[in-house]
């Protein structure tokens, strides 16, 4: 699966001047962008991963709707302050697509995730939500017309089998709703990523402005839902304030900005491999800090999901490298001076 999106302004500048730059310089610039994208993906994975424990604990002091609305809205306020400070563009280039990113990525994904956490374990919920790469793969096939090869279908099937073990619908417990909410959150996150890739084809898009606006627009339905459903406001303890600060600034604003940066510089399949860090950190942290030990079915399902996602991303990386190796000789030939 490869979703082609435009690069950043700096990357586009390099590409537009490729006729005057030697091929080695062009490859070096692309390699540097890839390294920065992997660094951004790693930091985002750590921020996202540990936040499962933070969110689960914060829900002791606030209802899901209020916490989701506060998290996303305050993250947007923080980002708009950065936009003004850095004198970046104040308005998005495409209102409709920016609103869709916010609706899917903030209202849908964040809202459903926090609702799922209310009754489900942090580690289990993190793994189910991060089946997002599978939904991203299927959406790319159905919406963007990208072909899926035989092994990809097998890996998707293995991941969905693992998801079935995690949900365990044959067991009588009260977390079935939580599992389906987490699946919905993963589907919404994949839809947001597809929209970002489409939006990023416009080279005028500023990532900081996009992230700020999608968070603000996505927070509005959450605020309305909180206003209509919340019985009382949160209990403003020191821990809840610290958890909200972590969510608004680091897990929402900074992590979303890093993820969008990654999507512009790495294909979605490659980025999906790095996203696996978040559920691994989430499961480990919830086990250590919250005492959430997966049962037999959940453990088997989690392993199947993580292995399936890792194999999908690894297979995609191999395809990307083969495609890049085919492009490099053409770039070298184009860089050669004309013959006599």
C-alpha atoms as a PDB file:
ATOM      1  CA  UNK A   1       0.000   0.000   0.000  1.00  0.00           C
ATOM      2  CA  UNK A   2       1.416   3.338  -1.021  1.00  0.00           C
ATOM      3  CA  UNK A   3      -0.482   6.571  -0.670  1.00  0.00           C
ATOM      4  CA  UNK A   4       1.259   9.299  -2.608  1.00  0.00           C
ATOM      5  CA  UNK A   5       1.165  12.692  -0.934  1.00  0.00           C
ATOM      6  CA  UNK A   6       2.995  15.926  -1.525  1.00  0.00           C
ATOM      7  CA  UNK A   7       6.076  16.617   0.532  1.00  0.00           C
ATOM      8  CA  UNK A   8       6.730  19.619   2.717  1.00  0.00           C
ATOM      9  CA  UNK A   9       7.675  23.008   1.360  1.00  0.00           C
ATOM     10  CA  UNK A  10      11.335  22.248   1.920  1.00  0.00           C
ATOM     11  CA  UNK A  11      11.042  18.849   0.235  1.00  0.00           C
ATOM     12  CA  UNK A  12       9.148  20.339  -2.673  1.00  0.00           C
ATOM     13  CA  UNK A  13      11.804  22.959  -3.047  1.00  0.00           C
ATOM     14  CA  UNK A  14      14.401  20.259  -3.313  1.00  0.00           C
ATOM     15  CA  UNK A  15      12.344  18.357  -5.844  1.00  0.00           C
ATOM     16  CA  UNK A  16      11.613  21.388  -7.979  1.00  0.00           C
ATOM     17  CA  UNK A  17      15.291  22.163  -8.245  1.00  0.00           C
ATOM     18  CA  UNK A  18      16.337  18.616  -9.003  1.00  0.00           C
ATOM     19  CA  UNK A  19      17.352  19.638 -12.502  1.00  0.00           C
ATOM     20  CA  UNK A  20      20.201  21.733 -11.063  1.00  0.00           C
ATOM     21  CA  UNK A  21      21.122  19.580  -8.048  1.00  0.00           C
ATOM     22  CA  UNK A  22      23.262  16.464  -8.444  1.00  0.00           C
ATOM     23  CA  UNK A  23      21.440  13.189  -7.847  1.00  0.00           C
ATOM     24  CA  UNK A  24      23.553  12.461  -4.754  1.00  0.00           C
ATOM     25  CA  UNK A  25      22.457  15.736  -3.131  1.00  0.00           C
ATOM     26  CA  UNK A  26      18.832  14.990  -3.917  1.00  0.00           C
ATOM     27  CA  UNK A  27      19.077  11.523  -2.395  1.00  0.00           C
ATOM     28  CA  UNK A  28      20.829  12.947   0.674  1.00  0.00           C
ATOM     29  CA  UNK A  29      18.048  15.495   1.218  1.00  0.00           C
ATOM     30  CA  UNK A  30      15.379  12.820   0.905  1.00  0.00           C
ATOM     31  CA  UNK A  31      17.262  10.541   3.305  1.00  0.00           C
ATOM     32  CA  UNK A  32      17.534  13.341   5.860  1.00  0.00           C
ATOM     33  CA  UNK A  33      13.785  13.996   5.645  1.00  0.00           C
ATOM     34  CA  UNK A  34      13.128  10.277   6.176  1.00  0.00           C
ATOM     35  CA  UNK A  35      15.377  10.200   9.269  1.00  0.00           C
ATOM     36  CA  UNK A  36      13.589  13.215  10.737  1.00  0.00           C
ATOM     37  CA  UNK A  37      10.229  11.590  10.008  1.00  0.00           C
ATOM     38  CA  UNK A  38      11.252   8.382  11.809  1.00  0.00           C
ATOM     39  CA  UNK A  39      12.428  10.448  14.784  1.00  0.00           C
ATOM     40  CA  UNK A  40       9.107  12.287  14.845  1.00  0.00           C
ATOM     41  CA  UNK A  41       7.247   8.973  14.619  1.00  0.00           C
ATOM     42  CA  UNK A  42       9.207   7.511  17.544  1.00  0.00           C
ATOM     43  CA  UNK A  43       8.529  10.496  19.804  1.00  0.00           C
ATOM     44  CA  UNK A  44       4.848  10.495  18.823  1.00  0.00           C
ATOM     45  CA  UNK A  45       4.634   6.760  19.604  1.00  0.00           C
ATOM     46  CA  UNK A  46       6.053   7.283  23.090  1.00  0.00           C
ATOM     47  CA  UNK A  47       3.724  10.204  23.784  1.00  0.00           C
ATOM     48  CA  UNK A  48       0.687   8.319  22.494  1.00  0.00           C
ATOM     49  CA  UNK A  49       1.685   5.077  24.232  1.00  0.00           C
ATOM     50  CA  UNK A  50       2.076   6.341  27.775  1.00  0.00           C
ATOM     51  CA  UNK A  51      -1.011   8.507  27.424  1.00  0.00           C
ATOM     52  CA  UNK A  52      -3.247   5.427  27.714  1.00  0.00           C
ATOM     53  CA  UNK A  53      -2.331   5.192  31.389  1.00  0.00           C
ATOM     54  CA  UNK A  54      -2.738   8.954  31.838  1.00  0.00           C
ATOM     55  CA  UNK A  55      -6.193   8.980  30.207  1.00  0.00           C
ATOM     56  CA  UNK A  56      -7.429   5.950  32.149  1.00  0.00           C
ATOM     57  CA  UNK A  57      -6.431   7.589  35.433  1.00  0.00           C
ATOM     58  CA  UNK A  58      -7.846  10.978  34.452  1.00  0.00           C
ATOM     59  CA  UNK A  59     -11.281   9.436  33.927  1.00  0.00           C
ATOM     60  CA  UNK A  60     -11.515   9.002  37.704  1.00  0.00           C
ATOM     61  CA  UNK A  61     -11.923  12.770  37.920  1.00  0.00           C
ATOM     62  CA  UNK A  62     -14.053  13.593  34.839  1.00  0.00           C
ATOM     63  CA  UNK A  63     -16.650  12.026  32.581  1.00  0.00           C
ATOM     64  CA  UNK A  64     -15.454  10.971  29.087  1.00  0.00           C
ATOM     65  CA  UNK A  65     -17.247  13.747  27.178  1.00  0.00           C
ATOM     66  CA  UNK A  66     -15.882  16.555  29.361  1.00  0.00           C
ATOM     67  CA  UNK A  67     -12.368  15.154  29.356  1.00  0.00           C
ATOM     68  CA  UNK A  68     -12.353  14.668  25.566  1.00  0.00           C
ATOM     69  CA  UNK A  69     -13.681  18.194  24.959  1.00  0.00           C
ATOM     70  CA  UNK A  70     -11.167  19.807  27.329  1.00  0.00           C
ATOM     71  CA  UNK A  71      -8.264  17.814  25.925  1.00  0.00           C
ATOM     72  CA  UNK A  72      -8.905  18.688  22.284  1.00  0.00           C
ATOM     73  CA  UNK A  73      -9.992  22.304  22.795  1.00  0.00           C
ATOM     74  CA  UNK A  74      -7.047  23.226  25.034  1.00  0.00           C
ATOM     75  CA  UNK A  75      -4.688  21.511  22.591  1.00  0.00           C
ATOM     76  CA  UNK A  76      -6.105  23.703  19.824  1.00  0.00           C
ATOM     77  CA  UNK A  77      -5.637  26.847  21.941  1.00  0.00           C
ATOM     78  CA  UNK A  78      -2.003  25.900  22.546  1.00  0.00           C
ATOM     79  CA  UNK A  79      -1.363  25.329  18.844  1.00  0.00           C
ATOM     80  CA  UNK A  80      -2.995  28.586  17.780  1.00  0.00           C
ATOM     81  CA  UNK A  81      -0.711  30.423  20.193  1.00  0.00           C
ATOM     82  CA  UNK A  82       2.243  28.757  18.470  1.00  0.00           C
ATOM     83  CA  UNK A  83       0.825  29.663  15.032  1.00  0.00           C
ATOM     84  CA  UNK A  84       0.603  33.332  16.010  1.00  0.00           C
ATOM     85  CA  UNK A  85       4.022  33.312  17.686  1.00  0.00           C
ATOM     86  CA  UNK A  86       5.715  31.818  14.615  1.00  0.00           C
ATOM     87  CA  UNK A  87       3.656  33.972  12.225  1.00  0.00           C
ATOM     88  CA  UNK A  88       2.379  31.029  10.276  1.00  0.00           C
ATOM     89  CA  UNK A  89      -0.712  31.262   8.028  1.00  0.00           C
ATOM     90  CA  UNK A  90      -3.826  31.806  10.120  1.00  0.00           C
ATOM     91  CA  UNK A  91      -6.377  30.242   7.754  1.00  0.00           C
ATOM     92  CA  UNK A  92      -6.473  26.715   6.296  1.00  0.00           C
ATOM     93  CA  UNK A  93      -6.228  26.265   2.537  1.00  0.00           C
ATOM     94  CA  UNK A  94      -9.191  23.890   2.375  1.00  0.00           C
ATOM     95  CA  UNK A  95     -11.937  24.345   4.953  1.00  0.00           C
ATOM     96  CA  UNK A  96     -13.922  21.242   4.020  1.00  0.00           C
ATOM     97  CA  UNK A  97     -11.040  18.747   4.164  1.00  0.00           C
ATOM     98  CA  UNK A  98      -9.637  20.385   7.323  1.00  0.00           C
ATOM     99  CA  UNK A  99     -13.041  20.016   8.979  1.00  0.00           C
ATOM    100  CA  UNK A 100     -13.198  16.362   7.897  1.00  0.00           C
ATOM    101  CA  UNK A 101      -9.775  15.698   9.429  1.00  0.00           C
ATOM    102  CA  UNK A 102     -11.008  17.223  12.677  1.00  0.00           C
ATOM    103  CA  UNK A 103     -14.302  15.341  12.561  1.00  0.00           C
ATOM    104  CA  UNK A 104     -12.629  11.972  11.992  1.00  0.00           C
ATOM    105  CA  UNK A 105      -9.400  12.460  13.938  1.00  0.00           C
ATOM    106  CA  UNK A 106     -10.606  14.464  16.935  1.00  0.00           C
ATOM    107  CA  UNK A 107     -14.379  14.120  17.320  1.00  0.00           C
ATOM    108  CA  UNK A 108     -14.481  10.485  16.194  1.00  0.00           C
ATOM    109  CA  UNK A 109     -11.155   8.968  17.134  1.00  0.00           C
ATOM    110  CA  UNK A 110     -10.454  10.864  20.362  1.00  0.00           C
ATOM    111  CA  UNK A 111     -14.055  10.856  21.533  1.00  0.00           C
ATOM    112  CA  UNK A 112     -14.599   7.142  20.930  1.00  0.00           C
ATOM    113  CA  UNK A 113     -11.204   6.269  22.433  1.00  0.00           C
ATOM    114  CA  UNK A 114     -11.927   8.011  25.734  1.00  0.00           C
ATOM    115  CA  UNK A 115     -15.433   6.564  25.853  1.00  0.00           C
ATOM    116  CA  UNK A 116     -13.942   3.077  25.267  1.00  0.00           C
ATOM    117  CA  UNK A 117     -11.465   3.631  28.096  1.00  0.00           C
ATOM    118  CA  UNK A 118     -14.259   4.316  30.555  1.00  0.00           C
ATOM    119  CA  UNK A 119     -15.191   0.618  30.724  1.00  0.00           C
ATOM    120  CA  UNK A 120     -12.200  -1.074  29.057  1.00  0.00           C
ATOM    121  CA  UNK A 121      -8.606  -1.640  30.095  1.00  0.00           C
ATOM    122  CA  UNK A 122      -5.985   0.829  28.897  1.00  0.00           C
ATOM    123  CA  UNK A 123      -3.670  -1.789  27.369  1.00  0.00           C
ATOM    124  CA  UNK A 124      -6.417  -3.715  25.601  1.00  0.00           C
ATOM    125  CA  UNK A 125      -8.029  -0.541  24.265  1.00  0.00           C
ATOM    126  CA  UNK A 126      -4.698   0.740  22.957  1.00  0.00           C
ATOM    127  CA  UNK A 127      -4.125  -2.438  20.923  1.00  0.00           C
ATOM    128  CA  UNK A 128      -7.637  -2.408  19.444  1.00  0.00           C
ATOM    129  CA  UNK A 129      -7.463   1.292  18.524  1.00  0.00           C
ATOM    130  CA  UNK A 130      -4.098   0.760  16.850  1.00  0.00           C
ATOM    131  CA  UNK A 131      -5.541  -1.694  14.378  1.00  0.00           C
ATOM    132  CA  UNK A 132      -5.821   1.589  12.449  1.00  0.00           C
ATOM    133  CA  UNK A 133      -3.213   0.520   9.821  1.00  0.00           C
ATOM    134  CA  UNK A 134      -5.494  -2.357   8.778  1.00  0.00           C
ATOM    135  CA  UNK A 135      -8.434  -0.001   8.253  1.00  0.00           C
ATOM    136  CA  UNK A 136      -6.074   2.398   6.478  1.00  0.00           C
ATOM    137  CA  UNK A 137      -5.011  -0.393   4.137  1.00  0.00           C
ATOM    138  CA  UNK A 138      -8.606  -1.373   3.374  1.00  0.00           C
ATOM    139  CA  UNK A 139      -9.649   2.260   2.842  1.00  0.00           C
ATOM    140  CA  UNK A 140      -6.733   2.818   0.478  1.00  0.00           C
ATOM    141  CA  UNK A 141      -7.923  -0.193  -1.508  1.00  0.00           C
ATOM    142  CA  UNK A 142     -11.598   0.791  -1.587  1.00  0.00           C
ATOM    143  CA  UNK A 143     -11.322   4.616  -1.785  1.00  0.00           C
ATOM    144  CA  UNK A 144      -8.017   5.282  -3.538  1.00  0.00           C
ATOM    145  CA  UNK A 145      -8.047   2.154  -5.696  1.00  0.00           C
ATOM    146  CA  UNK A 146      -4.690   0.857  -4.445  1.00  0.00           C
ATOM    147  CA  UNK A 147      -4.108  -2.828  -5.076  1.00  0.00           C
ATOM    148  CA  UNK A 148      -3.705  -5.332  -2.255  1.00  0.00           C
ATOM    149  CA  UNK A 149      -1.472  -8.305  -2.956  1.00  0.00           C
ATOM    150  CA  UNK A 150      -2.081 -11.850  -1.767  1.00  0.00           C
ATOM    151  CA  UNK A 151       0.174 -11.735   1.275  1.00  0.00           C
ATOM    152  CA  UNK A 152      -1.405  -8.469   2.382  1.00  0.00           C
ATOM    153  CA  UNK A 153      -4.826 -10.102   2.449  1.00  0.00           C
ATOM    154  CA  UNK A 154      -3.426 -12.948   4.560  1.00  0.00           C
ATOM    155  CA  UNK A 155      -1.846 -10.512   7.034  1.00  0.00           C
ATOM    156  CA  UNK A 156      -5.067  -8.516   7.253  1.00  0.00           C
ATOM    157  CA  UNK A 157      -6.908 -11.762   8.012  1.00  0.00           C
ATOM    158  CA  UNK A 158      -4.364 -12.655  10.716  1.00  0.00           C
ATOM    159  CA  UNK A 159      -4.732  -9.221  12.320  1.00  0.00           C
ATOM    160  CA  UNK A 160      -8.524  -9.418  12.265  1.00  0.00           C
ATOM    161  CA  UNK A 161      -8.326 -12.895  13.800  1.00  0.00           C
ATOM    162  CA  UNK A 162      -6.266 -11.430  16.601  1.00  0.00           C
ATOM    163  CA  UNK A 163      -8.860  -8.696  16.993  1.00  0.00           C
ATOM    164  CA  UNK A 164     -11.527 -11.381  17.384  1.00  0.00           C
ATOM    165  CA  UNK A 165      -9.534 -12.976  20.223  1.00  0.00           C
ATOM    166  CA  UNK A 166      -9.121  -9.628  21.970  1.00  0.00           C
ATOM    167  CA  UNK A 167     -12.830  -8.815  21.721  1.00  0.00           C
ATOM    168  CA  UNK A 168     -13.810 -12.418  22.619  1.00  0.00           C
ATOM    169  CA  UNK A 169     -17.531 -12.013  21.900  1.00  0.00           C
ATOM    170  CA  UNK A 170     -18.176 -15.531  23.243  1.00  0.00           C
ATOM    171  CA  UNK A 171     -17.256 -14.338  26.753  1.00  0.00           C
ATOM    172  CA  UNK A 172     -19.896 -12.747  28.950  1.00  0.00           C
ATOM    173  CA  UNK A 173     -18.297  -9.578  30.204  1.00  0.00           C
ATOM    174  CA  UNK A 174     -19.083  -5.878  30.231  1.00  0.00           C
ATOM    175  CA  UNK A 175     -16.303  -4.661  27.931  1.00  0.00           C
ATOM    176  CA  UNK A 176     -17.769  -5.689  24.569  1.00  0.00           C
ATOM    177  CA  UNK A 177     -19.075  -2.158  23.984  1.00  0.00           C
ATOM    178  CA  UNK A 178     -15.636  -0.807  24.856  1.00  0.00           C
ATOM    179  CA  UNK A 179     -14.030  -3.017  22.191  1.00  0.00           C
ATOM    180  CA  UNK A 180     -16.408  -1.882  19.465  1.00  0.00           C
ATOM    181  CA  UNK A 181     -15.916   1.763  20.450  1.00  0.00           C
ATOM    182  CA  UNK A 182     -12.150   1.228  20.180  1.00  0.00           C
ATOM    183  CA  UNK A 183     -12.586  -0.311  16.723  1.00  0.00           C
ATOM    184  CA  UNK A 184     -14.622   2.746  15.713  1.00  0.00           C
ATOM    185  CA  UNK A 185     -11.839   4.983  16.981  1.00  0.00           C
ATOM    186  CA  UNK A 186      -9.313   3.127  14.818  1.00  0.00           C
ATOM    187  CA  UNK A 187     -11.551   3.424  11.748  1.00  0.00           C
ATOM    188  CA  UNK A 188     -11.966   7.179  12.348  1.00  0.00           C
ATOM    189  CA  UNK A 189      -8.207   7.589  12.755  1.00  0.00           C
ATOM    190  CA  UNK A 190      -7.619   5.816   9.434  1.00  0.00           C
ATOM    191  CA  UNK A 191     -10.195   8.046   7.726  1.00  0.00           C
ATOM    192  CA  UNK A 192      -8.437  11.126   9.120  1.00  0.00           C
ATOM    193  CA  UNK A 193      -5.091   9.868   7.786  1.00  0.00           C
ATOM    194  CA  UNK A 194      -6.567   9.298   4.322  1.00  0.00           C
ATOM    195  CA  UNK A 195      -7.947  12.842   4.364  1.00  0.00           C
ATOM    196  CA  UNK A 196      -4.583  14.266   5.451  1.00  0.00           C
ATOM    197  CA  UNK A 197      -2.836  12.470   2.580  1.00  0.00           C
ATOM    198  CA  UNK A 198      -5.358  13.875   0.093  1.00  0.00           C
ATOM    199  CA  UNK A 199      -5.099  17.351   1.615  1.00  0.00           C
ATOM    200  CA  UNK A 200      -1.297  17.239   1.599  1.00  0.00           C
ATOM    201  CA  UNK A 201      -1.270  17.047  -2.187  1.00  0.00           C
ATOM    202  CA  UNK A 202      -1.815  20.804  -1.992  1.00  0.00           C
ATOM    203  CA  UNK A 203       1.712  22.101  -1.486  1.00  0.00           C
ATOM    204  CA  UNK A 204       0.461  25.263   0.194  1.00  0.00           C
ATOM    205  CA  UNK A 205      -0.803  23.355   3.241  1.00  0.00           C
ATOM    206  CA  UNK A 206       0.939  24.421   6.459  1.00  0.00           C
ATOM    207  CA  UNK A 207       1.072  21.495   8.887  1.00  0.00           C
ATOM    208  CA  UNK A 208       0.946  23.652  12.007  1.00  0.00           C
ATOM    209  CA  UNK A 209      -2.093  25.566  10.776  1.00  0.00           C
ATOM    210  CA  UNK A 210      -3.794  22.346   9.660  1.00  0.00           C
ATOM    211  CA  UNK A 211      -3.221  20.683  13.037  1.00  0.00           C
ATOM    212  CA  UNK A 212      -4.522  23.693  14.976  1.00  0.00           C
ATOM    213  CA  UNK A 213      -7.668  24.095  12.900  1.00  0.00           C
ATOM    214  CA  UNK A 214      -8.543  20.392  12.768  1.00  0.00           C
ATOM    215  CA  UNK A 215      -8.282  20.260  16.556  1.00  0.00           C
ATOM    216  CA  UNK A 216     -10.439  23.358  17.012  1.00  0.00           C
ATOM    217  CA  UNK A 217     -13.092  22.217  14.539  1.00  0.00           C
ATOM    218  CA  UNK A 218     -13.031  18.690  15.952  1.00  0.00           C
ATOM    219  CA  UNK A 219     -13.481  19.988  19.491  1.00  0.00           C
ATOM    220  CA  UNK A 220     -16.771  21.760  18.740  1.00  0.00           C
ATOM    221  CA  UNK A 221     -18.962  18.599  18.537  1.00  0.00           C
ATOM    222  CA  UNK A 222     -17.203  17.259  21.644  1.00  0.00           C
ATOM    223  CA  UNK A 223     -18.016  20.458  23.560  1.00  0.00           C
ATOM    224  CA  UNK A 224     -21.650  20.193  22.468  1.00  0.00           C
ATOM    225  CA  UNK A 225     -21.848  16.537  23.533  1.00  0.00           C
ATOM    226  CA  UNK A 226     -20.281  17.363  26.915  1.00  0.00           C
ATOM    227  CA  UNK A 227     -22.724  20.233  27.427  1.00  0.00           C
ATOM    228  CA  UNK A 228     -25.707  17.985  26.674  1.00  0.00           C
ATOM    229  CA  UNK A 229     -24.630  14.881  28.594  1.00  0.00           C
ATOM    230  CA  UNK A 230     -22.307  15.812  31.457  1.00  0.00           C
ATOM    231  CA  UNK A 231     -23.987  15.918  34.881  1.00  0.00           C
ATOM    232  CA  UNK A 232     -21.182  17.844  36.550  1.00  0.00           C
ATOM    233  CA  UNK A 233     -17.779  19.263  35.727  1.00  0.00           C
ATOM    234  CA  UNK A 234     -14.446  17.559  36.437  1.00  0.00           C
ATOM    235  CA  UNK A 235     -12.825  17.521  39.875  1.00  0.00           C
ATOM    236  CA  UNK A 236      -9.845  19.838  39.479  1.00  0.00           C
ATOM    237  CA  UNK A 237      -7.198  18.020  41.476  1.00  0.00           C
ATOM    238  CA  UNK A 238      -3.485  18.458  40.896  1.00  0.00           C
ATOM    239  CA  UNK A 239      -3.277  15.069  39.170  1.00  0.00           C
ATOM    240  CA  UNK A 240      -6.191  15.817  36.855  1.00  0.00           C
ATOM    241  CA  UNK A 241      -4.681  19.190  35.901  1.00  0.00           C
ATOM    242  CA  UNK A 242      -1.339  17.530  35.113  1.00  0.00           C
ATOM    243  CA  UNK A 243      -3.074  14.787  33.100  1.00  0.00           C
ATOM    244  CA  UNK A 244      -5.061  17.359  31.149  1.00  0.00           C
ATOM    245  CA  UNK A 245      -1.897  19.368  30.444  1.00  0.00           C
ATOM    246  CA  UNK A 246      -0.146  16.240  29.158  1.00  0.00           C
ATOM    247  CA  UNK A 247      -3.122  15.375  26.958  1.00  0.00           C
ATOM    248  CA  UNK A 248      -3.722  18.866  25.576  1.00  0.00           C
ATOM    249  CA  UNK A 249      -0.117  19.813  24.845  1.00  0.00           C
ATOM    250  CA  UNK A 250       1.860  16.612  24.337  1.00  0.00           C
ATOM    251  CA  UNK A 251      -0.547  13.786  23.463  1.00  0.00           C
ATOM    252  CA  UNK A 252      -2.873  15.930  21.332  1.00  0.00           C
ATOM    253  CA  UNK A 253      -1.094  18.958  19.896  1.00  0.00           C
ATOM    254  CA  UNK A 254       2.560  17.875  19.714  1.00  0.00           C
ATOM    255  CA  UNK A 255       1.897  14.203  18.892  1.00  0.00           C
ATOM    256  CA  UNK A 256      -0.670  15.062  16.190  1.00  0.00           C
ATOM    257  CA  UNK A 257       1.754  17.531  14.607  1.00  0.00           C
ATOM    258  CA  UNK A 258       4.522  14.899  14.611  1.00  0.00           C
ATOM    259  CA  UNK A 259       2.171  12.303  13.091  1.00  0.00           C
ATOM    260  CA  UNK A 260       1.055  14.636  10.301  1.00  0.00           C
ATOM    261  CA  UNK A 261       4.716  15.471   9.607  1.00  0.00           C
ATOM    262  CA  UNK A 262       5.416  11.751   9.336  1.00  0.00           C
ATOM    263  CA  UNK A 263       2.534  11.247   6.906  1.00  0.00           C
ATOM    264  CA  UNK A 264       3.992  13.913   4.591  1.00  0.00           C
ATOM    265  CA  UNK A 265       7.466  12.357   4.496  1.00  0.00           C
ATOM    266  CA  UNK A 266       6.810   8.614   4.784  1.00  0.00           C
ATOM    267  CA  UNK A 267       4.314   6.384   2.967  1.00  0.00           C
ATOM    268  CA  UNK A 268       1.395   5.305   5.127  1.00  0.00           C
ATOM    269  CA  UNK A 269       2.595   1.698   5.302  1.00  0.00           C
ATOM    270  CA  UNK A 270       6.013   2.699   6.597  1.00  0.00           C
ATOM    271  CA  UNK A 271       4.477   5.071   9.123  1.00  0.00           C
ATOM    272  CA  UNK A 272       2.206   2.252  10.273  1.00  0.00           C
ATOM    273  CA  UNK A 273       5.216   0.233  11.488  1.00  0.00           C
ATOM    274  CA  UNK A 274       6.324   3.074  13.746  1.00  0.00           C
ATOM    275  CA  UNK A 275       2.818   3.423  15.138  1.00  0.00           C
ATOM    276  CA  UNK A 276       3.196  -0.049  16.671  1.00  0.00           C
ATOM    277  CA  UNK A 277       5.363   1.508  19.379  1.00  0.00           C
ATOM    278  CA  UNK A 278       2.318   3.172  20.957  1.00  0.00           C
ATOM    279  CA  UNK A 279       0.265   0.033  21.803  1.00  0.00           C
ATOM    280  CA  UNK A 280       3.394  -1.771  23.003  1.00  0.00           C
ATOM    281  CA  UNK A 281       4.128   1.100  25.392  1.00  0.00           C
ATOM    282  CA  UNK A 282       0.439   1.255  26.323  1.00  0.00           C
ATOM    283  CA  UNK A 283       0.222  -2.451  27.209  1.00  0.00           C
ATOM    284  CA  UNK A 284       3.496  -2.381  29.149  1.00  0.00           C
ATOM    285  CA  UNK A 285       2.701   0.791  31.075  1.00  0.00           C
ATOM    286  CA  UNK A 286      -0.844  -0.311  31.946  1.00  0.00           C
ATOM    287  CA  UNK A 287       0.455  -3.692  33.129  1.00  0.00           C
ATOM    288  CA  UNK A 288       3.150  -2.110  35.335  1.00  0.00           C
ATOM    289  CA  UNK A 289       1.285   0.952  36.585  1.00  0.00           C
ATOM    290  CA  UNK A 290      -2.369  -0.143  36.588  1.00  0.00           C
ATOM    291  CA  UNK A 291      -1.968  -3.873  37.137  1.00  0.00           C
ATOM    292  CA  UNK A 292      -3.914  -4.717  33.944  1.00  0.00           C
ATOM    293  CA  UNK A 293      -2.721  -8.195  33.018  1.00  0.00           C
ATOM    294  CA  UNK A 294      -4.210  -9.582  29.774  1.00  0.00           C
ATOM    295  CA  UNK A 295      -6.046 -12.882  30.041  1.00  0.00           C
ATOM    296  CA  UNK A 296      -5.254 -15.850  27.793  1.00  0.00           C
ATOM    297  CA  UNK A 297      -7.481 -14.835  24.902  1.00  0.00           C
ATOM    298  CA  UNK A 298      -6.436 -11.189  25.043  1.00  0.00           C
ATOM    299  CA  UNK A 299      -2.750 -12.082  25.120  1.00  0.00           C
ATOM    300  CA  UNK A 300      -3.059 -14.327  22.045  1.00  0.00           C
ATOM    301  CA  UNK A 301      -5.079 -11.683  20.235  1.00  0.00           C
ATOM    302  CA  UNK A 302      -2.642  -8.882  21.073  1.00  0.00           C
ATOM    303  CA  UNK A 303       0.299 -10.924  19.805  1.00  0.00           C
ATOM    304  CA  UNK A 304      -1.536 -11.757  16.564  1.00  0.00           C
ATOM    305  CA  UNK A 305      -2.492  -8.118  16.016  1.00  0.00           C
ATOM    306  CA  UNK A 306       0.997  -6.756  16.655  1.00  0.00           C
ATOM    307  CA  UNK A 307       2.667  -9.433  14.515  1.00  0.00           C
ATOM    308  CA  UNK A 308       0.174  -8.923  11.701  1.00  0.00           C
ATOM    309  CA  UNK A 309       0.619  -5.152  11.727  1.00  0.00           C
ATOM    310  CA  UNK A 310       4.398  -5.446  11.892  1.00  0.00           C
ATOM    311  CA  UNK A 311       4.441  -7.886   8.955  1.00  0.00           C
ATOM    312  CA  UNK A 312       2.139  -5.624   6.930  1.00  0.00           C
ATOM    313  CA  UNK A 313       4.353  -2.621   7.503  1.00  0.00           C
ATOM    314  CA  UNK A 314       7.524  -4.619   6.880  1.00  0.00           C
ATOM    315  CA  UNK A 315       6.173  -5.975   3.607  1.00  0.00           C
ATOM    316  CA  UNK A 316       5.267  -2.464   2.530  1.00  0.00           C
ATOM    317  CA  UNK A 317       8.729  -1.156   3.413  1.00  0.00           C
ATOM    318  CA  UNK A 318      10.303  -3.820   1.185  1.00  0.00           C
ATOM    319  CA  UNK A 319       8.069  -2.741  -1.712  1.00  0.00           C
ATOM    320  CA  UNK A 320       8.973   0.892  -1.150  1.00  0.00           C
ATOM    321  CA  UNK A 321      12.683   0.094  -1.197  1.00  0.00           C
ATOM    322  CA  UNK A 322      12.352  -1.888  -4.407  1.00  0.00           C
ATOM    323  CA  UNK A 323      10.501   1.015  -6.011  1.00  0.00           C
ATOM    324  CA  UNK A 324      13.168   3.449  -4.808  1.00  0.00           C
ATOM    325  CA  UNK A 325      15.968   1.252  -6.195  1.00  0.00           C
ATOM    326  CA  UNK A 326      14.256   1.330  -9.599  1.00  0.00           C
ATOM    327  CA  UNK A 327      14.014   5.126  -9.514  1.00  0.00           C
ATOM    328  CA  UNK A 328      17.632   5.755  -8.549  1.00  0.00           C
ATOM    329  CA  UNK A 329      19.246   4.639 -11.861  1.00  0.00           C
ATOM    330  CA  UNK A 330      16.928   6.967 -13.752  1.00  0.00           C
ATOM    331  CA  UNK A 331      17.930   9.855 -11.489  1.00  0.00           C
ATOM    332  CA  UNK A 332      21.619   9.090 -12.020  1.00  0.00           C
ATOM    333  CA  UNK A 333      21.201   8.963 -15.808  1.00  0.00           C
ATOM    334  CA  UNK A 334      19.321  12.279 -15.760  1.00  0.00           C
ATOM    335  CA  UNK A 335      22.175  13.836 -13.801  1.00  0.00           C
ATOM    336  CA  UNK A 336      24.811  12.844 -16.374  1.00  0.00           C
ATOM    337  CA  UNK A 337      26.011  15.612 -18.743  1.00  0.00           C
ATOM    338  CA  UNK A 338      24.911  15.221 -22.356  1.00  0.00           C
ATOM    339  CA  UNK A 339      27.265  13.316 -24.596  1.00  0.00           C
ATOM    340  CA  UNK A 340      29.190  14.764 -27.554  1.00  0.00           C
END
